[in-house]
N, C-alpha and C. Protein backbone atom coordinates (compact mmCIF):
# COMPACT_ATOMS: atom_id res chain seq x y z
N MET A 1 133.98 92.80 88.30
CA MET A 1 133.44 91.69 89.03
C MET A 1 132.53 90.91 88.08
N LYS A 2 132.70 89.61 88.08
CA LYS A 2 131.89 88.74 87.25
C LYS A 2 131.24 87.69 88.17
N ILE A 3 129.92 87.55 88.07
CA ILE A 3 129.19 86.62 88.93
C ILE A 3 128.38 85.65 88.08
N TRP A 4 128.47 84.39 88.46
CA TRP A 4 127.67 83.34 87.83
C TRP A 4 126.56 83.00 88.81
N ALA A 5 125.32 83.30 88.46
CA ALA A 5 124.17 83.05 89.32
C ALA A 5 123.43 81.81 88.83
N LYS A 6 123.07 80.93 89.77
CA LYS A 6 122.45 79.66 89.41
C LYS A 6 121.25 79.37 90.30
N LEU A 7 120.20 78.84 89.68
CA LEU A 7 119.02 78.37 90.41
C LEU A 7 119.00 76.85 90.33
N TYR A 8 118.84 76.20 91.47
CA TYR A 8 118.81 74.74 91.51
C TYR A 8 117.47 74.23 92.03
N VAL A 9 117.02 73.14 91.45
CA VAL A 9 115.91 72.36 91.98
C VAL A 9 116.52 71.00 92.29
N GLY A 10 116.64 70.70 93.57
CA GLY A 10 117.39 69.51 93.97
C GLY A 10 118.85 69.73 93.58
N ASP A 11 119.43 68.78 92.87
CA ASP A 11 120.81 68.92 92.40
C ASP A 11 120.87 69.33 90.94
N LYS A 12 119.73 69.64 90.37
CA LYS A 12 119.65 69.96 88.94
C LYS A 12 119.63 71.47 88.71
N LEU A 13 120.49 71.91 87.81
CA LEU A 13 120.55 73.33 87.45
C LEU A 13 119.32 73.69 86.62
N LYS A 14 118.53 74.65 87.11
CA LYS A 14 117.30 75.05 86.43
C LYS A 14 117.54 76.24 85.50
N LYS A 15 118.21 77.28 86.00
CA LYS A 15 118.52 78.49 85.24
C LYS A 15 119.87 79.00 85.69
N ASN A 16 120.55 79.70 84.80
CA ASN A 16 121.79 80.36 85.19
C ASN A 16 122.02 81.56 84.30
N VAL A 17 122.82 82.47 84.82
CA VAL A 17 123.13 83.71 84.10
C VAL A 17 124.48 84.22 84.60
N ILE A 18 125.18 84.91 83.71
CA ILE A 18 126.45 85.55 84.06
C ILE A 18 126.21 87.06 84.12
N TYR A 19 126.66 87.67 85.20
CA TYR A 19 126.54 89.11 85.39
C TYR A 19 127.95 89.69 85.43
N GLU A 20 128.18 90.77 84.68
CA GLU A 20 129.48 91.42 84.67
C GLU A 20 129.32 92.89 85.01
N ASP A 21 130.27 93.40 85.78
CA ASP A 21 130.28 94.80 86.18
C ASP A 21 131.73 95.22 86.39
N ASP A 22 132.03 96.49 86.15
CA ASP A 22 133.39 96.98 86.30
C ASP A 22 133.70 97.42 87.73
N LYS A 23 132.71 97.42 88.60
CA LYS A 23 132.91 97.90 89.97
C LYS A 23 133.69 96.88 90.80
N ALA A 24 134.47 97.39 91.74
CA ALA A 24 135.17 96.52 92.69
C ALA A 24 134.16 95.98 93.70
N LEU A 25 134.49 94.86 94.31
CA LEU A 25 133.59 94.24 95.27
C LEU A 25 133.49 95.08 96.54
N SER A 26 132.26 95.44 96.87
CA SER A 26 131.95 96.13 98.12
C SER A 26 130.54 95.72 98.51
N GLY A 27 130.11 96.10 99.68
CA GLY A 27 128.75 95.76 100.11
C GLY A 27 127.69 96.31 99.18
N ALA A 28 127.86 97.55 98.75
CA ALA A 28 126.89 98.19 97.86
C ALA A 28 126.90 97.56 96.48
N SER A 29 128.08 97.25 95.95
CA SER A 29 128.14 96.64 94.61
C SER A 29 127.59 95.22 94.64
N TYR A 30 127.77 94.52 95.77
CA TYR A 30 127.22 93.17 95.91
C TYR A 30 125.69 93.20 95.90
N ILE A 31 125.11 94.13 96.66
CA ILE A 31 123.65 94.25 96.71
C ILE A 31 123.11 94.64 95.34
N HIS A 32 123.77 95.55 94.66
CA HIS A 32 123.35 95.95 93.31
C HIS A 32 123.41 94.75 92.36
N ALA A 33 124.49 93.99 92.41
CA ALA A 33 124.63 92.81 91.56
C ALA A 33 123.55 91.78 91.89
N LEU A 34 123.26 91.59 93.16
CA LEU A 34 122.23 90.65 93.59
C LEU A 34 120.86 91.05 93.02
N GLN A 35 120.55 92.33 93.06
CA GLN A 35 119.28 92.81 92.52
C GLN A 35 119.22 92.64 91.00
N GLU A 36 120.32 92.96 90.31
CA GLU A 36 120.36 92.82 88.85
C GLU A 36 120.23 91.36 88.43
N VAL A 37 120.94 90.48 89.11
CA VAL A 37 120.88 89.05 88.79
C VAL A 37 119.48 88.50 89.05
N SER A 38 118.87 88.92 90.14
CA SER A 38 117.50 88.48 90.44
C SER A 38 116.55 88.92 89.34
N HIS A 39 116.72 90.14 88.87
CA HIS A 39 115.88 90.65 87.78
C HIS A 39 116.12 89.85 86.49
N MET A 40 117.38 89.55 86.20
CA MET A 40 117.70 88.79 84.99
C MET A 40 117.10 87.38 85.03
N LEU A 41 117.04 86.79 86.23
CA LEU A 41 116.47 85.44 86.37
C LEU A 41 114.97 85.47 86.61
N ASP A 42 114.39 86.66 86.69
CA ASP A 42 112.96 86.85 86.92
C ASP A 42 112.50 86.21 88.23
N ILE A 43 113.25 86.51 89.29
CA ILE A 43 112.88 86.06 90.63
C ILE A 43 112.92 87.26 91.56
N ALA A 44 112.31 87.12 92.73
CA ALA A 44 112.36 88.18 93.74
C ALA A 44 113.77 88.24 94.32
N SER A 45 114.18 89.40 94.76
CA SER A 45 115.49 89.53 95.41
C SER A 45 115.40 88.93 96.81
N PRO A 46 116.40 88.15 97.20
CA PRO A 46 116.38 87.59 98.55
C PRO A 46 116.77 88.63 99.59
N VAL A 47 116.47 88.34 100.82
CA VAL A 47 116.93 89.18 101.93
C VAL A 47 118.39 88.81 102.15
N SER A 48 119.27 89.77 101.97
CA SER A 48 120.70 89.52 102.09
C SER A 48 121.22 90.06 103.40
N LEU A 49 121.84 89.19 104.17
CA LEU A 49 122.41 89.56 105.46
C LEU A 49 123.90 89.84 105.31
N PRO A 50 124.49 90.53 106.26
CA PRO A 50 125.94 90.75 106.20
C PRO A 50 126.73 89.44 106.11
N ALA A 51 126.20 88.38 106.69
CA ALA A 51 126.87 87.07 106.62
C ALA A 51 126.95 86.57 105.18
N HIS A 52 125.94 86.84 104.37
CA HIS A 52 125.97 86.43 102.96
C HIS A 52 127.12 87.13 102.24
N PHE A 53 127.25 88.43 102.45
CA PHE A 53 128.32 89.18 101.80
C PHE A 53 129.69 88.71 102.28
N LYS A 54 129.85 88.50 103.58
CA LYS A 54 131.13 88.05 104.11
C LYS A 54 131.51 86.69 103.54
N HIS A 55 130.53 85.81 103.41
CA HIS A 55 130.79 84.49 102.83
C HIS A 55 131.20 84.62 101.37
N PHE A 56 130.52 85.50 100.63
CA PHE A 56 130.86 85.73 99.23
C PHE A 56 132.26 86.33 99.10
N GLU A 57 132.56 87.27 99.96
CA GLU A 57 133.86 87.94 99.92
C GLU A 57 134.99 86.97 100.26
N ARG A 58 134.75 86.10 101.22
CA ARG A 58 135.80 85.19 101.69
C ARG A 58 135.94 83.93 100.84
N PHE A 59 134.81 83.35 100.42
CA PHE A 59 134.83 82.07 99.72
C PHE A 59 134.41 82.15 98.25
N ASN A 60 134.08 83.38 97.77
CA ASN A 60 133.65 83.59 96.38
C ASN A 60 132.35 82.88 96.06
N ARG A 61 131.53 82.64 97.07
CA ARG A 61 130.27 81.92 96.87
C ARG A 61 129.28 82.31 97.96
N ALA A 62 128.03 82.51 97.58
CA ALA A 62 126.96 82.75 98.54
C ALA A 62 125.75 81.93 98.11
N LYS A 63 125.08 81.34 99.08
CA LYS A 63 123.93 80.48 98.79
C LYS A 63 122.71 81.00 99.54
N TYR A 64 121.62 81.15 98.79
CA TYR A 64 120.35 81.58 99.37
C TYR A 64 119.36 80.43 99.27
N LEU A 65 118.62 80.21 100.34
CA LEU A 65 117.61 79.16 100.39
C LEU A 65 116.22 79.80 100.33
N PRO A 66 115.17 79.02 100.10
CA PRO A 66 113.83 79.60 100.03
C PRO A 66 113.45 80.43 101.26
N ARG A 67 114.00 80.08 102.42
CA ARG A 67 113.68 80.86 103.64
C ARG A 67 114.27 82.28 103.60
N ASP A 68 115.21 82.54 102.67
CA ASP A 68 115.80 83.87 102.54
C ASP A 68 114.97 84.80 101.66
N PHE A 69 113.86 84.32 101.14
CA PHE A 69 112.98 85.11 100.27
C PHE A 69 111.68 85.41 101.00
N VAL A 70 111.16 86.61 100.79
CA VAL A 70 109.88 86.99 101.40
C VAL A 70 108.75 86.27 100.65
N GLU A 71 108.87 86.20 99.33
CA GLU A 71 107.86 85.53 98.51
C GLU A 71 108.18 84.04 98.39
N GLU A 72 107.17 83.27 98.04
CA GLU A 72 107.37 81.84 97.81
C GLU A 72 108.12 81.65 96.49
N VAL A 73 109.07 80.72 96.46
CA VAL A 73 109.88 80.47 95.27
C VAL A 73 109.73 79.01 94.84
N ASP A 74 110.04 78.75 93.57
CA ASP A 74 109.89 77.39 93.03
C ASP A 74 111.24 76.72 92.77
N PHE A 75 112.23 77.01 93.59
CA PHE A 75 113.54 76.39 93.48
C PHE A 75 114.06 76.11 94.88
N ASP A 76 115.10 75.28 94.96
CA ASP A 76 115.63 74.87 96.27
C ASP A 76 116.82 75.72 96.73
N SER A 77 117.58 76.28 95.78
CA SER A 77 118.68 77.15 96.17
C SER A 77 119.05 78.10 95.05
N PHE A 78 119.57 79.23 95.46
CA PHE A 78 120.02 80.29 94.56
C PHE A 78 121.47 80.55 94.95
N VAL A 79 122.38 80.27 94.03
CA VAL A 79 123.81 80.34 94.33
C VAL A 79 124.48 81.42 93.48
N LEU A 80 125.28 82.24 94.13
CA LEU A 80 126.09 83.24 93.44
C LEU A 80 127.55 82.83 93.59
N GLU A 81 128.27 82.75 92.46
CA GLU A 81 129.69 82.44 92.48
C GLU A 81 130.45 83.53 91.75
N ARG A 82 131.51 84.01 92.38
CA ARG A 82 132.36 85.00 91.72
C ARG A 82 133.28 84.26 90.77
N VAL A 83 133.32 84.72 89.53
CA VAL A 83 134.19 84.12 88.52
C VAL A 83 135.50 84.89 88.54
N ILE A 84 136.56 84.17 88.83
CA ILE A 84 137.89 84.78 88.86
C ILE A 84 138.63 84.30 87.63
N GLU A 85 138.95 85.25 86.78
CA GLU A 85 139.61 84.91 85.53
C GLU A 85 141.11 85.03 85.68
N ASP A 86 141.81 84.09 85.10
CA ASP A 86 143.26 84.10 85.11
C ASP A 86 143.73 85.11 84.06
N LYS A 87 144.53 86.06 84.47
CA LYS A 87 144.99 87.12 83.56
C LYS A 87 146.11 86.64 82.63
N LYS A 88 146.82 85.58 83.03
CA LYS A 88 147.93 85.09 82.21
C LYS A 88 147.39 84.23 81.06
N PRO A 89 147.94 84.39 79.88
CA PRO A 89 147.52 83.51 78.79
C PRO A 89 148.09 82.12 79.00
N ASN A 90 147.34 81.14 78.56
CA ASN A 90 147.82 79.76 78.64
C ASN A 90 148.82 79.52 77.53
N ARG A 91 149.98 79.06 77.89
CA ARG A 91 151.01 78.77 76.90
C ARG A 91 151.49 77.35 77.12
N TYR A 92 151.34 76.60 76.10
CA TYR A 92 151.77 75.21 76.16
C TYR A 92 152.89 75.02 75.15
N PHE A 93 153.94 74.42 75.59
CA PHE A 93 155.07 74.14 74.70
C PHE A 93 155.19 72.65 74.52
N PHE A 94 155.31 72.22 73.29
CA PHE A 94 155.43 70.79 73.00
C PHE A 94 156.77 70.50 72.40
């Protein structure tokens, strides 16, 4: 599983990081990845509800707002996107 985590202030990207793990997607691996990414970005971990995981599992994206954090934060949104890599090599014939 590969996750691209992004912090936004307004529409501007403030910080981002890529997290990689060999584990398959599950509720426990998602929470672990969320904690690791939060640590890498030096922010508090948000309160994650089952709806966040279901949205990530279904749409490959989860968005956390400042109201999802217990502590006060200095950004407008925290977005996790699952990076899906194409296994086939690109072959172009001219």
